[in-house]
Amino acid sequence: MEPLRTSLKPGSCDDGRRKMMEDYAAGHADHLEFLARELEMRKLVPTAASAAALLATPRVGDTRETSCHVCQDDFEEEDKLRAMPCAHTFHQRCIFRVLSVNRLCPVCGYQLPADDEMP
């Protein structure tokens, strides 16, 4: 993306404003990429129930995460957890609720198969 063009001259007292505008333009491009990914993810396709049932069931402490990315609650010893093939772990109730409407990992976008993609 081309930097913003302004009438400010280098060394002027408005250098701070120029830097702020350039940072905003760079951030705006990143935001547009984020929005495009979000729109792609909104093409909601539920996960095949048979694929969701095969998710690993790790124990608390055996995961790289200490909390669920869906509900933001910390994992407790008695919680039932499920791990996606991408290794992101969630509360079972949280990830099953998400996968019932969308087959993508909420963290990285890993796709589980839909019903029509299962053998």
C-alpha atoms as a PDB file:
ATOM      1  CA  MET A   1       0.000   0.000   0.000  1.00  0.00           C
ATOM      2  CA  GLU A   2       1.307   3.426  -0.913  1.00  0.00           C
ATOM      3  CA  PRO A   3       1.947   5.757   2.050  1.00  0.00           C
ATOM      4  CA  LEU A   4      -0.341   8.720   2.595  1.00  0.00           C
ATOM      5  CA  ARG A   5       0.752  11.853   0.796  1.00  0.00           C
ATOM      6  CA  THR A   6       0.616  15.010   2.841  1.00  0.00           C
ATOM      7  CA  SER A   7       1.810  18.550   2.391  1.00  0.00           C
ATOM      8  CA  LEU A   8       3.953  18.295   5.521  1.00  0.00           C
ATOM      9  CA  LYS A   9       7.672  18.804   5.078  1.00  0.00           C
ATOM     10  CA  PRO A  10      10.256  16.668   6.943  1.00  0.00           C
ATOM     11  CA  GLY A  11      11.609  18.448   9.999  1.00  0.00           C
ATOM     12  CA  SER A  12       8.482  20.530  10.499  1.00  0.00           C
ATOM     13  CA  CYS A  13       6.655  20.587  13.819  1.00  0.00           C
ATOM     14  CA  ASP A  14       4.034  18.354  12.200  1.00  0.00           C
ATOM     15  CA  ASP A  15       6.356  15.328  11.848  1.00  0.00           C
ATOM     16  CA  GLY A  16       4.448  13.655  14.694  1.00  0.00           C
ATOM     17  CA  ARG A  17       1.182  14.095  12.833  1.00  0.00           C
ATOM     18  CA  ARG A  18       2.753  12.677   9.643  1.00  0.00           C
ATOM     19  CA  LYS A  19       3.988   9.613  11.547  1.00  0.00           C
ATOM     20  CA  MET A  20       0.553   9.149  13.098  1.00  0.00           C
ATOM     21  CA  MET A  21      -1.122   9.331   9.659  1.00  0.00           C
ATOM     22  CA  GLU A  22       1.357   6.850   8.159  1.00  0.00           C
ATOM     23  CA  ASP A  23       0.805   4.455  11.083  1.00  0.00           C
ATOM     24  CA  TYR A  24      -2.959   4.795  10.624  1.00  0.00           C
ATOM     25  CA  ALA A  25      -2.698   3.981   6.895  1.00  0.00           C
ATOM     26  CA  ALA A  26      -0.568   0.894   7.608  1.00  0.00           C
ATOM     27  CA  GLY A  27      -2.991  -0.242  10.312  1.00  0.00           C
ATOM     28  CA  HIS A  28      -5.938   0.372   7.995  1.00  0.00           C
ATOM     29  CA  ALA A  29      -4.492  -2.052   5.433  1.00  0.00           C
ATOM     30  CA  ASP A  30      -4.096  -4.703   8.153  1.00  0.00           C
ATOM     31  CA  HIS A  31      -7.671  -4.060   9.256  1.00  0.00           C
ATOM     32  CA  LEU A  32      -8.961  -4.537   5.703  1.00  0.00           C
ATOM     33  CA  GLU A  33      -7.182  -7.905   5.508  1.00  0.00           C
ATOM     34  CA  PHE A  34      -8.753  -8.863   8.836  1.00  0.00           C
ATOM     35  CA  LEU A  35     -12.225  -7.881   7.596  1.00  0.00           C
ATOM     36  CA  ALA A  36     -11.783  -9.904   4.399  1.00  0.00           C
ATOM     37  CA  ARG A  37     -10.865 -12.976   6.464  1.00  0.00           C
ATOM     38  CA  GLU A  38     -13.836 -12.401   8.748  1.00  0.00           C
ATOM     39  CA  LEU A  39     -16.194 -12.212   5.765  1.00  0.00           C
ATOM     40  CA  GLU A  40     -14.784 -15.481   4.434  1.00  0.00           C
ATOM     41  CA  MET A  41     -15.273 -17.096   7.831  1.00  0.00           C
ATOM     42  CA  ARG A  42     -18.884 -15.924   7.967  1.00  0.00           C
ATOM     43  CA  LYS A  43     -19.773 -18.418   5.251  1.00  0.00           C
ATOM     44  CA  LEU A  44     -20.962 -20.627   8.049  1.00  0.00           C
ATOM     45  CA  VAL A  45     -20.853 -24.348   7.381  1.00  0.00           C
ATOM     46  CA  PRO A  46     -21.395 -26.676  10.353  1.00  0.00           C
ATOM     47  CA  THR A  47     -18.871 -29.374  11.153  1.00  0.00           C
ATOM     48  CA  ALA A  48     -19.834 -32.969  10.484  1.00  0.00           C
ATOM     49  CA  ALA A  49     -20.994 -34.472  13.791  1.00  0.00           C
ATOM     50  CA  SER A  50     -18.786 -37.511  13.178  1.00  0.00           C
ATOM     51  CA  ALA A  51     -15.727 -35.243  12.769  1.00  0.00           C
ATOM     52  CA  ALA A  52     -16.499 -33.321  15.963  1.00  0.00           C
ATOM     53  CA  ALA A  53     -16.915 -36.579  17.885  1.00  0.00           C
ATOM     54  CA  LEU A  54     -13.352 -37.583  16.957  1.00  0.00           C
ATOM     55  CA  LEU A  55     -11.710 -34.558  18.609  1.00  0.00           C
ATOM     56  CA  ALA A  56      -9.077 -35.511  21.169  1.00  0.00           C
ATOM     57  CA  THR A  57      -9.960 -35.270  24.878  1.00  0.00           C
ATOM     58  CA  PRO A  58      -6.885 -33.957  26.700  1.00  0.00           C
ATOM     59  CA  ARG A  59      -6.676 -33.431  30.449  1.00  0.00           C
ATOM     60  CA  VAL A  60      -6.222 -30.051  32.091  1.00  0.00           C
ATOM     61  CA  GLY A  61      -2.481 -29.401  32.295  1.00  0.00           C
ATOM     62  CA  ASP A  62      -1.708 -31.462  29.193  1.00  0.00           C
ATOM     63  CA  THR A  63      -2.561 -28.562  26.870  1.00  0.00           C
ATOM     64  CA  ARG A  64      -0.614 -25.514  25.783  1.00  0.00           C
ATOM     65  CA  GLU A  65      -3.573 -23.289  26.691  1.00  0.00           C
ATOM     66  CA  THR A  66      -4.711 -22.572  30.231  1.00  0.00           C
ATOM     67  CA  SER A  67      -8.053 -21.091  29.231  1.00  0.00           C
ATOM     68  CA  CYS A  68     -10.774 -21.493  26.618  1.00  0.00           C
ATOM     69  CA  HIS A  69     -10.606 -19.044  23.706  1.00  0.00           C
ATOM     70  CA  VAL A  70     -14.392 -19.180  23.291  1.00  0.00           C
ATOM     71  CA  CYS A  71     -15.637 -18.331  26.808  1.00  0.00           C
ATOM     72  CA  GLN A  72     -12.313 -16.964  28.132  1.00  0.00           C
ATOM     73  CA  ASP A  73     -12.659 -19.000  31.386  1.00  0.00           C
ATOM     74  CA  ASP A  74      -9.627 -20.773  32.827  1.00  0.00           C
ATOM     75  CA  PHE A  75      -9.585 -24.545  32.606  1.00  0.00           C
ATOM     76  CA  GLU A  76     -10.468 -26.264  35.885  1.00  0.00           C
ATOM     77  CA  GLU A  77      -9.485 -29.806  36.859  1.00  0.00           C
ATOM     78  CA  GLU A  78     -13.007 -31.196  36.381  1.00  0.00           C
ATOM     79  CA  ASP A  79     -13.623 -29.549  32.972  1.00  0.00           C
ATOM     80  CA  LYS A  80     -14.183 -31.700  29.896  1.00  0.00           C
ATOM     81  CA  LEU A  81     -11.852 -30.477  27.156  1.00  0.00           C
ATOM     82  CA  ARG A  82     -11.624 -31.113  23.421  1.00  0.00           C
ATOM     83  CA  ALA A  83      -8.621 -30.388  21.212  1.00  0.00           C
ATOM     84  CA  MET A  84      -8.866 -29.548  17.543  1.00  0.00           C
ATOM     85  CA  PRO A  85      -6.391 -31.225  15.124  1.00  0.00           C
ATOM     86  CA  CYS A  86      -4.545 -27.882  15.089  1.00  0.00           C
ATOM     87  CA  ALA A  87      -3.886 -28.463  18.844  1.00  0.00           C
ATOM     88  CA  HIS A  88      -6.047 -25.585  20.116  1.00  0.00           C
ATOM     89  CA  THR A  89      -8.016 -26.707  23.160  1.00  0.00           C
ATOM     90  CA  PHE A  90     -11.450 -25.583  24.355  1.00  0.00           C
ATOM     91  CA  HIS A  91     -14.142 -26.556  26.818  1.00  0.00           C
ATOM     92  CA  GLN A  92     -16.147 -29.348  25.215  1.00  0.00           C
ATOM     93  CA  ARG A  93     -19.421 -27.426  25.540  1.00  0.00           C
ATOM     94  CA  CYS A  94     -17.871 -24.300  23.977  1.00  0.00           C
ATOM     95  CA  ILE A  95     -16.225 -25.908  20.951  1.00  0.00           C
ATOM     96  CA  PHE A  96     -19.214 -28.149  20.201  1.00  0.00           C
ATOM     97  CA  ARG A  97     -21.472 -25.068  20.235  1.00  0.00           C
ATOM     98  CA  VAL A  98     -19.111 -23.275  17.817  1.00  0.00           C
ATOM     99  CA  LEU A  99     -18.731 -26.304  15.538  1.00  0.00           C
ATOM    100  CA  SER A 100     -22.489 -26.745  15.304  1.00  0.00           C
ATOM    101  CA  VAL A 101     -22.607 -23.585  13.180  1.00  0.00           C
ATOM    102  CA  ASN A 102     -19.053 -23.152  11.882  1.00  0.00           C
ATOM    103  CA  ARG A 103     -16.376 -25.733  11.067  1.00  0.00           C
ATOM    104  CA  LEU A 104     -13.419 -23.390  11.640  1.00  0.00           C
ATOM    105  CA  CYS A 105     -11.158 -23.268  14.677  1.00  0.00           C
ATOM    106  CA  PRO A 106     -11.932 -19.971  16.458  1.00  0.00           C
ATOM    107  CA  VAL A 107      -8.206 -19.307  16.930  1.00  0.00           C
ATOM    108  CA  CYS A 108      -6.472 -20.203  13.669  1.00  0.00           C
ATOM    109  CA  GLY A 109      -9.228 -21.014  11.173  1.00  0.00           C
ATOM    110  CA  TYR A 110      -8.319 -24.711  10.745  1.00  0.00           C
ATOM    111  CA  GLN A 111     -11.218 -26.372   8.865  1.00  0.00           C
ATOM    112  CA  LEU A 112     -12.881 -29.559  10.002  1.00  0.00           C
ATOM    113  CA  PRO A 113     -14.832 -31.412   7.301  1.00  0.00           C
ATOM    114  CA  ALA A 114     -18.490 -30.665   6.668  1.00  0.00           C
ATOM    115  CA  ASP A 115     -21.116 -33.394   6.276  1.00  0.00           C
ATOM    116  CA  ASP A 116     -20.790 -33.413   2.485  1.00  0.00           C
ATOM    117  CA  GLU A 117     -16.993 -33.867   2.752  1.00  0.00           C
ATOM    118  CA  MET A 118     -17.109 -36.961   4.963  1.00  0.00           C
ATOM    119  CA  PRO A 119     -16.529 -40.373   3.325  1.00  0.00           C
END
